[in-house]
Amino acid sequence: MDSHKPIKEYAKEILRDWKRPAIPAKIYLDAMLEIDQADDDYIFEKGAGILAYFLANAESWRGETARKIKKELNKIVNDYYT
């Protein structure tokens, strides 16, 4: 069993904190709203891939909440691929 909350819950937190997400990141945030776990499928991509793409496009999201959530999402991605 995964030890993190559903990915869609992270996406909701991000949208509450990041008032104007960068457009490339927003595309992946929208996908994150549809998945729960890193191994969930979204179109032709796994949830872990969606998270990795989001993180690559979320450099402009900053602050305490951003650091905390990015750290958790990176852990999910790393756990999935290792």
PDB file of N, CA and C in Angstrom:
ATOM      1  N   MET A   1       0.844  -1.191   0.000  1.00  0.00           N
ATOM      2  CA  MET A   1       0.000   0.000   0.000  1.00  0.00           C
ATOM      3  C   MET A   1       0.883   1.245   0.000  1.00  0.00           C
ATOM      4  N   ASP A   2       0.477   2.237  -0.775  1.00  0.00           N
ATOM      5  CA  ASP A   2       1.245   3.482  -0.843  1.00  0.00           C
ATOM      6  C   ASP A   2       1.103   4.256   0.453  1.00  0.00           C
ATOM      7  N   SER A   3       2.202   4.916   0.846  1.00  0.00           N
ATOM      8  CA  SER A   3       2.217   5.607   2.133  1.00  0.00           C
ATOM      9  C   SER A   3       2.000   7.113   1.987  1.00  0.00           C
ATOM     10  N   HIS A   4       1.436   7.514   0.885  1.00  0.00           N
ATOM     11  CA  HIS A   4       1.171   8.939   0.682  1.00  0.00           C
ATOM     12  C   HIS A   4      -0.309   9.140   0.378  1.00  0.00           C
ATOM     13  N   LYS A   5      -0.730  10.378   0.482  1.00  0.00           N
ATOM     14  CA  LYS A   5      -2.129  10.668   0.158  1.00  0.00           C
ATOM     15  C   LYS A   5      -2.314  10.600  -1.356  1.00  0.00           C
ATOM     16  N   PRO A   6      -3.544  10.548  -1.823  1.00  0.00           N
ATOM     17  CA  PRO A   6      -3.784  10.489  -3.266  1.00  0.00           C
ATOM     18  C   PRO A   6      -3.164  11.693  -3.985  1.00  0.00           C
ATOM     19  N   ILE A   7      -2.638  11.451  -5.161  1.00  0.00           N
ATOM     20  CA  ILE A   7      -1.994  12.511  -5.931  1.00  0.00           C
ATOM     21  C   ILE A   7      -2.962  13.652  -6.200  1.00  0.00           C
ATOM     22  N   LYS A   8      -4.225  13.342  -6.425  1.00  0.00           N
ATOM     23  CA  LYS A   8      -5.196  14.416  -6.676  1.00  0.00           C
ATOM     24  C   LYS A   8      -5.287  15.374  -5.491  1.00  0.00           C
ATOM     25  N   GLU A   9      -5.025  14.894  -4.275  1.00  0.00           N
ATOM     26  CA  GLU A   9      -5.047  15.772  -3.099  1.00  0.00           C
ATOM     27  C   GLU A   9      -3.855  16.726  -3.104  1.00  0.00           C
ATOM     28  N   TYR A  10      -2.696  16.237  -3.549  1.00  0.00           N
ATOM     29  CA  TYR A  10      -1.542  17.131  -3.703  1.00  0.00           C
ATOM     30  C   TYR A  10      -1.872  18.220  -4.726  1.00  0.00           C
ATOM     31  N   ALA A  11      -2.494  17.829  -5.836  1.00  0.00           N
ATOM     32  CA  ALA A  11      -2.839  18.799  -6.878  1.00  0.00           C
ATOM     33  C   ALA A  11      -3.769  19.884  -6.336  1.00  0.00           C
ATOM     34  N   LYS A  12      -4.733  19.495  -5.530  1.00  0.00           N
ATOM     35  CA  LYS A  12      -5.645  20.477  -4.941  1.00  0.00           C
ATOM     36  C   LYS A  12      -4.905  21.442  -4.024  1.00  0.00           C
ATOM     37  N   GLU A  13      -3.961  20.910  -3.240  1.00  0.00           N
ATOM     38  CA  GLU A  13      -3.152  21.773  -2.361  1.00  0.00           C
ATOM     39  C   GLU A  13      -2.322  22.753  -3.182  1.00  0.00           C
ATOM     40  N   ILE A  14      -1.733  22.254  -4.255  1.00  0.00           N
ATOM     41  CA  ILE A  14      -0.916  23.105  -5.116  1.00  0.00           C
ATOM     42  C   ILE A  14      -1.758  24.233  -5.689  1.00  0.00           C
ATOM     43  N   LEU A  15      -2.931  23.905  -6.180  1.00  0.00           N
ATOM     44  CA  LEU A  15      -3.795  24.924  -6.784  1.00  0.00           C
ATOM     45  C   LEU A  15      -4.268  25.956  -5.757  1.00  0.00           C
ATOM     46  N   ARG A  16      -4.408  25.551  -4.501  1.00  0.00           N
ATOM     47  CA  ARG A  16      -4.765  26.521  -3.455  1.00  0.00           C
ATOM     48  C   ARG A  16      -3.610  27.473  -3.167  1.00  0.00           C
ATOM     49  N   ASP A  17      -2.377  26.965  -3.268  1.00  0.00           N
ATOM     50  CA  ASP A  17      -1.207  27.770  -2.922  1.00  0.00           C
ATOM     51  C   ASP A  17      -0.659  28.562  -4.114  1.00  0.00           C
ATOM     52  N   TRP A  18      -0.633  27.948  -5.273  1.00  0.00           N
ATOM     53  CA  TRP A  18      -0.039  28.555  -6.468  1.00  0.00           C
ATOM     54  C   TRP A  18      -1.167  29.167  -7.281  1.00  0.00           C
ATOM     55  N   LYS A  19      -1.410  30.439  -7.061  1.00  0.00           N
ATOM     56  CA  LYS A  19      -2.581  31.110  -7.621  1.00  0.00           C
ATOM     57  C   LYS A  19      -2.582  31.181  -9.150  1.00  0.00           C
ATOM     58  N   ARG A  20      -1.399  31.325  -9.742  1.00  0.00           N
ATOM     59  CA  ARG A  20      -1.303  31.417 -11.200  1.00  0.00           C
ATOM     60  C   ARG A  20      -0.205  30.473 -11.692  1.00  0.00           C
ATOM     61  N   PRO A  21      -0.517  29.181 -11.753  1.00  0.00           N
ATOM     62  CA  PRO A  21       0.503  28.212 -12.167  1.00  0.00           C
ATOM     63  C   PRO A  21       1.006  28.494 -13.584  1.00  0.00           C
ATOM     64  N   ALA A  22       2.268  28.202 -13.797  1.00  0.00           N
ATOM     65  CA  ALA A  22       2.834  28.290 -15.143  1.00  0.00           C
ATOM     66  C   ALA A  22       2.039  27.358 -16.056  1.00  0.00           C
ATOM     67  N   ILE A  23       1.803  27.798 -17.278  1.00  0.00           N
ATOM     68  CA  ILE A  23       0.957  27.024 -18.197  1.00  0.00           C
ATOM     69  C   ILE A  23       1.479  25.596 -18.399  1.00  0.00           C
ATOM     70  N   PRO A  24       2.790  25.381 -18.618  1.00  0.00           N
ATOM     71  CA  PRO A  24       3.245  23.987 -18.774  1.00  0.00           C
ATOM     72  C   PRO A  24       2.987  23.133 -17.527  1.00  0.00           C
ATOM     73  N   ALA A  25       3.119  23.722 -16.351  1.00  0.00           N
ATOM     74  CA  ALA A  25       2.848  22.984 -15.112  1.00  0.00           C
ATOM     75  C   ALA A  25       1.356  22.723 -14.957  1.00  0.00           C
ATOM     76  N   LYS A  26       0.524  23.660 -15.373  1.00  0.00           N
ATOM     77  CA  LYS A  26      -0.935  23.533 -15.223  1.00  0.00           C
ATOM     78  C   LYS A  26      -1.465  22.329 -15.988  1.00  0.00           C
ATOM     79  N   ILE A  27      -0.871  22.054 -17.123  1.00  0.00           N
ATOM     80  CA  ILE A  27      -1.283  20.886 -17.918  1.00  0.00           C
ATOM     81  C   ILE A  27      -1.139  19.609 -17.076  1.00  0.00           C
ATOM     82  N   TYR A  28      -0.024  19.491 -16.373  1.00  0.00           N
ATOM     83  CA  TYR A  28       0.214  18.296 -15.551  1.00  0.00           C
ATOM     84  C   TYR A  28      -0.588  18.334 -14.258  1.00  0.00           C
ATOM     85  N   LEU A  29      -0.838  19.525 -13.733  1.00  0.00           N
ATOM     86  CA  LEU A  29      -1.710  19.633 -12.557  1.00  0.00           C
ATOM     87  C   LEU A  29      -3.107  19.124 -12.882  1.00  0.00           C
ATOM     88  N   ASP A  30      -3.602  19.475 -14.058  1.00  0.00           N
ATOM     89  CA  ASP A  30      -4.924  18.989 -14.468  1.00  0.00           C
ATOM     90  C   ASP A  30      -4.945  17.460 -14.526  1.00  0.00           C
ATOM     91  N   ALA A  31      -3.873  16.872 -15.031  1.00  0.00           N
ATOM     92  CA  ALA A  31      -3.784  15.403 -15.073  1.00  0.00           C
ATOM     93  C   ALA A  31      -3.703  14.831 -13.667  1.00  0.00           C
ATOM     94  N   MET A  32      -2.950  15.510 -12.788  1.00  0.00           N
ATOM     95  CA  MET A  32      -2.804  15.033 -11.406  1.00  0.00           C
ATOM     96  C   MET A  32      -4.142  14.986 -10.682  1.00  0.00           C
ATOM     97  N   LEU A  33      -5.065  15.838 -11.069  1.00  0.00           N
ATOM     98  CA  LEU A  33      -6.403  15.839 -10.450  1.00  0.00           C
ATOM     99  C   LEU A  33      -7.183  14.563 -10.763  1.00  0.00           C
ATOM    100  N   GLU A  34      -6.697  13.790 -11.719  1.00  0.00           N
ATOM    101  CA  GLU A  34      -7.397  12.579 -12.161  1.00  0.00           C
ATOM    102  C   GLU A  34      -6.775  11.287 -11.643  1.00  0.00           C
ATOM    103  N   ILE A  35      -5.662  11.368 -10.902  1.00  0.00           N
ATOM    104  CA  ILE A  35      -4.980  10.134 -10.485  1.00  0.00           C
ATOM    105  C   ILE A  35      -4.775  10.097  -8.973  1.00  0.00           C
ATOM    106  N   ASP A  36      -4.639   8.888  -8.473  1.00  0.00           N
ATOM    107  CA  ASP A  36      -4.427   8.682  -7.039  1.00  0.00           C
ATOM    108  C   ASP A  36      -3.016   8.216  -6.708  1.00  0.00           C
ATOM    109  N   GLN A  37      -2.459   7.339  -7.535  1.00  0.00           N
ATOM    110  CA  GLN A  37      -1.183   6.702  -7.216  1.00  0.00           C
ATOM    111  C   GLN A  37      -0.207   6.827  -8.384  1.00  0.00           C
ATOM    112  N   ALA A  38       1.070   6.614  -8.087  1.00  0.00           N
ATOM    113  CA  ALA A  38       2.125   6.722  -9.098  1.00  0.00           C
ATOM    114  C   ALA A  38       1.968   5.703 -10.217  1.00  0.00           C
ATOM    115  N   ASP A  39       1.346   4.567  -9.942  1.00  0.00           N
ATOM    116  CA  ASP A  39       1.193   3.559 -10.987  1.00  0.00           C
ATOM    117  C   ASP A  39      -0.149   3.635 -11.714  1.00  0.00           C
ATOM    118  N   ASP A  40      -0.956   4.650 -11.406  1.00  0.00           N
ATOM    119  CA  ASP A  40      -2.202   4.861 -12.148  1.00  0.00           C
ATOM    120  C   ASP A  40      -1.888   5.304 -13.571  1.00  0.00           C
ATOM    121  N   ASP A  41      -2.729   4.874 -14.505  1.00  0.00           N
ATOM    122  CA  ASP A  41      -2.579   5.293 -15.895  1.00  0.00           C
ATOM    123  C   ASP A  41      -3.373   6.568 -16.143  1.00  0.00           C
ATOM    124  N   TYR A  42      -2.778   7.466 -16.908  1.00  0.00           N
ATOM    125  CA  TYR A  42      -3.480   8.661 -17.383  1.00  0.00           C
ATOM    126  C   TYR A  42      -3.139   8.786 -18.857  1.00  0.00           C
ATOM    127  N   ILE A  43      -4.096   8.510 -19.698  1.00  0.00           N
ATOM    128  CA  ILE A  43      -3.929   8.418 -21.148  1.00  0.00           C
ATOM    129  C   ILE A  43      -2.795   7.408 -21.415  1.00  0.00           C
ATOM    130  N   PHE A  44      -1.624   7.858 -21.888  1.00  0.00           N
ATOM    131  CA  PHE A  44      -0.531   6.931 -22.192  1.00  0.00           C
ATOM    132  C   PHE A  44       0.630   7.061 -21.212  1.00  0.00           C
ATOM    133  N   GLU A  45       0.400   7.655 -20.072  1.00  0.00           N
ATOM    134  CA  GLU A  45       1.474   7.934 -19.108  1.00  0.00           C
ATOM    135  C   GLU A  45       1.100   7.384 -17.738  1.00  0.00           C
ATOM    136  N   LYS A  46       2.096   6.971 -16.990  1.00  0.00           N
ATOM    137  CA  LYS A  46       1.896   6.571 -15.594  1.00  0.00           C
ATOM    138  C   LYS A  46       1.870   7.828 -14.723  1.00  0.00           C
ATOM    139  N   GLY A  47       1.253   7.714 -13.572  1.00  0.00           N
ATOM    140  CA  GLY A  47       1.195   8.836 -12.638  1.00  0.00           C
ATOM    141  C   GLY A  47       2.565   9.367 -12.275  1.00  0.00           C
ATOM    142  N   ALA A  48       3.541   8.484 -12.113  1.00  0.00           N
ATOM    143  CA  ALA A  48       4.899   8.921 -11.768  1.00  0.00           C
ATOM    144  C   ALA A  48       5.474   9.821 -12.853  1.00  0.00           C
ATOM    145  N   GLY A  49       5.196   9.515 -14.088  1.00  0.00           N
ATOM    146  CA  GLY A  49       5.661  10.353 -15.199  1.00  0.00           C
ATOM    147  C   GLY A  49       5.004  11.720 -15.177  1.00  0.00           C
ATOM    148  N   ILE A  50       3.716  11.741 -14.879  1.00  0.00           N
ATOM    149  CA  ILE A  50       2.987  13.015 -14.762  1.00  0.00           C
ATOM    150  C   ILE A  50       3.636  13.869 -13.671  1.00  0.00           C
ATOM    151  N   LEU A  51       3.932  13.254 -12.530  1.00  0.00           N
ATOM    152  CA  LEU A  51       4.568  13.991 -11.431  1.00  0.00           C
ATOM    153  C   LEU A  51       5.929  14.525 -11.846  1.00  0.00           C
ATOM    154  N   ALA A  52       6.713  13.707 -12.519  1.00  0.00           N
ATOM    155  CA  ALA A  52       8.045  14.132 -12.950  1.00  0.00           C
ATOM    156  C   ALA A  52       7.950  15.316 -13.909  1.00  0.00           C
ATOM    157  N   TYR A  53       7.011  15.256 -14.846  1.00  0.00           N
ATOM    158  CA  TYR A  53       6.834  16.371 -15.780  1.00  0.00           C
ATOM    159  C   TYR A  53       6.340  17.625 -15.052  1.00  0.00           C
ATOM    160  N   PHE A  54       5.442  17.446 -14.099  1.00  0.00           N
ATOM    161  CA  PHE A  54       4.991  18.602 -13.321  1.00  0.00           C
ATOM    162  C   PHE A  54       6.182  19.251 -12.614  1.00  0.00           C
ATOM    163  N   LEU A  55       6.976  18.447 -11.924  1.00  0.00           N
ATOM    164  CA  LEU A  55       8.119  18.982 -11.179  1.00  0.00           C
ATOM    165  C   LEU A  55       9.099  19.699 -12.097  1.00  0.00           C
ATOM    166  N   ALA A  56       9.293  19.190 -13.289  1.00  0.00           N
ATOM    167  CA  ALA A  56      10.198  19.826 -14.242  1.00  0.00           C
ATOM    168  C   ALA A  56       9.674  21.181 -14.714  1.00  0.00           C
ATOM    169  N   ASN A  57       8.370  21.381 -14.620  1.00  0.00           N
ATOM    170  CA  ASN A  57       7.752  22.630 -15.093  1.00  0.00           C
ATOM    171  C   ASN A  57       7.289  23.542 -13.967  1.00  0.00           C
ATOM    172  N   ALA A  58       7.630  23.203 -12.735  1.00  0.00           N
ATOM    173  CA  ALA A  58       7.142  23.976 -11.580  1.00  0.00           C
ATOM    174  C   ALA A  58       8.249  24.759 -10.887  1.00  0.00           C
ATOM    175  N   GLU A  59       9.294  25.101 -11.604  1.00  0.00           N
ATOM    176  CA  GLU A  59      10.406  25.834 -10.997  1.00  0.00           C
ATOM    177  C   GLU A  59       9.979  27.195 -10.455  1.00  0.00           C
ATOM    178  N   SER A  60       8.994  27.819 -11.060  1.00  0.00           N
ATOM    179  CA  SER A  60       8.588  29.159 -10.615  1.00  0.00           C
ATOM    180  C   SER A  60       7.678  29.124  -9.388  1.00  0.00           C
ATOM    181  N   TRP A  61       7.233  27.936  -8.995  1.00  0.00           N
ATOM    182  CA  TRP A  61       6.420  27.816  -7.772  1.00  0.00           C
ATOM    183  C   TRP A  61       7.363  27.745  -6.591  1.00  0.00           C
ATOM    184  N   ARG A  62       7.259  28.720  -5.705  1.00  0.00           N
ATOM    185  CA  ARG A  62       8.207  28.833  -4.587  1.00  0.00           C
ATOM    186  C   ARG A  62       7.482  29.010  -3.271  1.00  0.00           C
ATOM    187  N   GLY A  63       8.250  28.906  -2.198  1.00  0.00           N
ATOM    188  CA  GLY A  63       7.708  29.110  -0.863  1.00  0.00           C
ATOM    189  C   GLY A  63       7.745  27.823  -0.055  1.00  0.00           C
ATOM    190  N   GLU A  64       7.328  27.935   1.190  1.00  0.00           N
ATOM    191  CA  GLU A  64       7.363  26.800   2.111  1.00  0.00           C
ATOM    192  C   GLU A  64       6.487  25.641   1.639  1.00  0.00           C
ATOM    193  N   THR A  65       5.269  25.958   1.222  1.00  0.00           N
ATOM    194  CA  THR A  65       4.361  24.909   0.740  1.00  0.00           C
ATOM    195  C   THR A  65       4.942  24.231  -0.487  1.00  0.00           C
ATOM    196  N   ALA A  66       5.487  25.019  -1.393  1.00  0.00           N
ATOM    197  CA  ALA A  66       6.085  24.459  -2.610  1.00  0.00           C
ATOM    198  C   ALA A  66       7.226  23.510  -2.268  1.00  0.00           C
ATOM    199  N   ARG A  67       8.110  23.929  -1.378  1.00  0.00           N
ATOM    200  CA  ARG A  67       9.239  23.068  -0.998  1.00  0.00           C
ATOM    201  C   ARG A  67       8.751  21.759  -0.382  1.00  0.00           C
ATOM    202  N   LYS A  68       7.775  21.852   0.502  1.00  0.00           N
ATOM    203  CA  LYS A  68       7.245  20.663   1.189  1.00  0.00           C
ATOM    204  C   LYS A  68       6.617  19.685   0.185  1.00  0.00           C
ATOM    205  N   ILE A  69       5.754  20.200  -0.664  1.00  0.00           N
ATOM    206  CA  ILE A  69       5.045  19.319  -1.604  1.00  0.00           C
ATOM    207  C   ILE A  69       5.994  18.782  -2.671  1.00  0.00           C
ATOM    208  N   LYS A  70       6.887  19.612  -3.180  1.00  0.00           N
ATOM    209  CA  LYS A  70       7.845  19.126  -4.173  1.00  0.00           C
ATOM    210  C   LYS A  70       8.697  17.995  -3.596  1.00  0.00           C
ATOM    211  N   LYS A  71       9.094  18.126  -2.340  1.00  0.00           N
ATOM    212  CA  LYS A  71       9.878  17.072  -1.693  1.00  0.00           C
ATOM    213  C   LYS A  71       9.077  15.768  -1.643  1.00  0.00           C
ATOM    214  N   GLU A  72       7.801  15.861  -1.259  1.00  0.00           N
ATOM    215  CA  GLU A  72       6.947  14.668  -1.185  1.00  0.00           C
ATOM    216  C   GLU A  72       6.734  14.060  -2.571  1.00  0.00           C
ATOM    217  N   LEU A  73       6.498  14.902  -3.581  1.00  0.00           N
ATOM    218  CA  LEU A  73       6.283  14.385  -4.938  1.00  0.00           C
ATOM    219  C   LEU A  73       7.554  13.745  -5.487  1.00  0.00           C
ATOM    220  N   ASN A  74       8.702  14.353  -5.206  1.00  0.00           N
ATOM    221  CA  ASN A  74       9.970  13.750  -5.634  1.00  0.00           C
ATOM    222  C   ASN A  74      10.163  12.380  -5.001  1.00  0.00           C
ATOM    223  N   LYS A  75       9.780  12.234  -3.752  1.00  0.00           N
ATOM    224  CA  LYS A  75       9.893  10.933  -3.079  1.00  0.00           C
ATOM    225  C   LYS A  75       9.000   9.897  -3.755  1.00  0.00           C
ATOM    226  N   ILE A  76       7.784  10.299  -4.100  1.00  0.00           N
ATOM    227  CA  ILE A  76       6.869   9.372  -4.794  1.00  0.00           C
ATOM    228  C   ILE A  76       7.482   8.922  -6.111  1.00  0.00           C
ATOM    229  N   VAL A  77       8.014   9.863  -6.882  1.00  0.00           N
ATOM    230  CA  VAL A  77       8.622   9.547  -8.172  1.00  0.00           C
ATOM    231  C   VAL A  77       9.823   8.625  -7.987  1.00  0.00           C
ATOM    232  N   ASN A  78      10.696   8.985  -7.050  1.00  0.00           N
ATOM    233  CA  ASN A  78      11.891   8.166  -6.809  1.00  0.00           C
ATOM    234  C   ASN A  78      11.527   6.772  -6.340  1.00  0.00           C
ATOM    235  N   ASP A  79      10.553   6.647  -5.452  1.00  0.00           N
ATOM    236  CA  ASP A  79      10.118   5.328  -4.985  1.00  0.00           C
ATOM    237  C   ASP A  79       9.562   4.492  -6.129  1.00  0.00           C
ATOM    238  N   TYR A  80       8.852   5.125  -7.044  1.00  0.00           N
ATOM    239  CA  TYR A  80       8.253   4.405  -8.151  1.00  0.00           C
ATOM    240  C   TYR A  80       9.334   3.835  -9.095  1.00  0.00           C
ATOM    241  N   TYR A  81      10.348   4.655  -9.356  1.00  0.00           N
ATOM    242  CA  TYR A  81      11.361   4.264 -10.336  1.00  0.00           C
ATOM    243  C   TYR A  81      12.515   3.461  -9.742  1.00  0.00           C
ATOM    244  N   THR A  82      12.521   3.264  -8.423  1.00  0.00           N
ATOM    245  CA  THR A  82      13.601   2.459  -7.840  1.00  0.00           C
ATOM    246  C   THR A  82      13.083   1.127  -7.343  1.00  0.00           C
TER     247      THR A  82
END
